[in-house]
Amino acid sequence: MSVFRVILAILFPPLSVIDKGCGSFLIVLILTLLGWIPGVIASLIILNKNQC
């Protein structure tokens, strides 16, 4: 997970996971619309999960 991705996940969570697939993007987008913090947490989890 690069520093640029972390900053992008904090500022605009859906944009940081756009290359992980449509499902991840939609989940993070919905969580961001419901509240900014759940979107940030979900995007950081998705970015960290695919690191292995």
C-alpha atoms as a PDB file:
ATOM      1  CA  MET A   1       0.000   0.000   0.000  1.00  0.00           C
ATOM      2  CA  SER A   2       1.639   3.198  -1.162  1.00  0.00           C
ATOM      3  CA  VAL A   3       1.511   6.542   0.585  1.00  0.00           C
ATOM      4  CA  PHE A   4      -0.383   7.999  -2.378  1.00  0.00           C
ATOM      5  CA  ARG A   5      -3.096   5.337  -2.024  1.00  0.00           C
ATOM      6  CA  VAL A   6      -3.457   6.000   1.711  1.00  0.00           C
ATOM      7  CA  ILE A   7      -3.824   9.739   1.143  1.00  0.00           C
ATOM      8  CA  LEU A   8      -6.321   9.070  -1.644  1.00  0.00           C
ATOM      9  CA  ALA A   9      -8.243   6.681   0.622  1.00  0.00           C
ATOM     10  CA  ILE A  10      -8.510   9.370   3.270  1.00  0.00           C
ATOM     11  CA  LEU A  11      -9.537  12.161   0.903  1.00  0.00           C
ATOM     12  CA  PHE A  12     -11.818  10.255  -1.504  1.00  0.00           C
ATOM     13  CA  PRO A  13     -12.205   6.573  -0.594  1.00  0.00           C
ATOM     14  CA  PRO A  14     -13.999   5.275  -3.737  1.00  0.00           C
ATOM     15  CA  LEU A  15     -11.289   6.605  -6.024  1.00  0.00           C
ATOM     16  CA  SER A  16      -8.595   4.668  -4.180  1.00  0.00           C
ATOM     17  CA  VAL A  17     -10.235   1.268  -4.854  1.00  0.00           C
ATOM     18  CA  ILE A  18     -11.429   1.870  -8.410  1.00  0.00           C
ATOM     19  CA  ASP A  19      -8.926  -0.626  -9.850  1.00  0.00           C
ATOM     20  CA  LYS A  20      -9.940  -3.384  -7.400  1.00  0.00           C
ATOM     21  CA  GLY A  21     -13.212  -4.070  -9.203  1.00  0.00           C
ATOM     22  CA  CYS A  22     -16.742  -2.794  -9.508  1.00  0.00           C
ATOM     23  CA  GLY A  23     -17.954  -4.501  -6.326  1.00  0.00           C
ATOM     24  CA  SER A  24     -15.316  -2.914  -4.134  1.00  0.00           C
ATOM     25  CA  PHE A  25     -15.948   0.474  -5.686  1.00  0.00           C
ATOM     26  CA  LEU A  26     -19.711   0.261  -5.098  1.00  0.00           C
ATOM     27  CA  ILE A  27     -19.366  -0.924  -1.507  1.00  0.00           C
ATOM     28  CA  VAL A  28     -16.955   1.872  -0.649  1.00  0.00           C
ATOM     29  CA  LEU A  29     -19.086   4.424  -2.499  1.00  0.00           C
ATOM     30  CA  ILE A  30     -22.223   3.429  -0.576  1.00  0.00           C
ATOM     31  CA  LEU A  31     -20.365   3.471   2.746  1.00  0.00           C
ATOM     32  CA  THR A  32     -18.891   6.864   1.914  1.00  0.00           C
ATOM     33  CA  LEU A  33     -22.328   8.248   1.122  1.00  0.00           C
ATOM     34  CA  LEU A  34     -23.622   6.929   4.444  1.00  0.00           C
ATOM     35  CA  GLY A  35     -20.701   8.429   6.296  1.00  0.00           C
ATOM     36  CA  TRP A  36     -17.179   9.429   5.419  1.00  0.00           C
ATOM     37  CA  ILE A  37     -15.413   7.418   8.141  1.00  0.00           C
ATOM     38  CA  PRO A  38     -16.963   4.021   7.202  1.00  0.00           C
ATOM     39  CA  GLY A  39     -15.857   4.622   3.620  1.00  0.00           C
ATOM     40  CA  VAL A  40     -12.297   5.387   4.689  1.00  0.00           C
ATOM     41  CA  ILE A  41     -12.140   2.301   6.891  1.00  0.00           C
ATOM     42  CA  ALA A  42     -13.533   0.044   4.153  1.00  0.00           C
ATOM     43  CA  SER A  43     -11.142   1.387   1.530  1.00  0.00           C
ATOM     44  CA  LEU A  44      -8.130   0.925   3.803  1.00  0.00           C
ATOM     45  CA  ILE A  45      -9.220  -2.651   4.569  1.00  0.00           C
ATOM     46  CA  ILE A  46      -9.659  -3.449   0.867  1.00  0.00           C
ATOM     47  CA  LEU A  47      -6.302  -1.905  -0.001  1.00  0.00           C
ATOM     48  CA  ASN A  48      -4.570  -3.767   2.831  1.00  0.00           C
ATOM     49  CA  LYS A  49      -6.282  -7.106   2.056  1.00  0.00           C
ATOM     50  CA  ASN A  50      -5.051  -7.228  -1.535  1.00  0.00           C
ATOM     51  CA  GLN A  51      -1.478  -6.429  -0.579  1.00  0.00           C
ATOM     52  CA  CYS A  52      -0.416 -10.098  -0.038  1.00  0.00           C
END
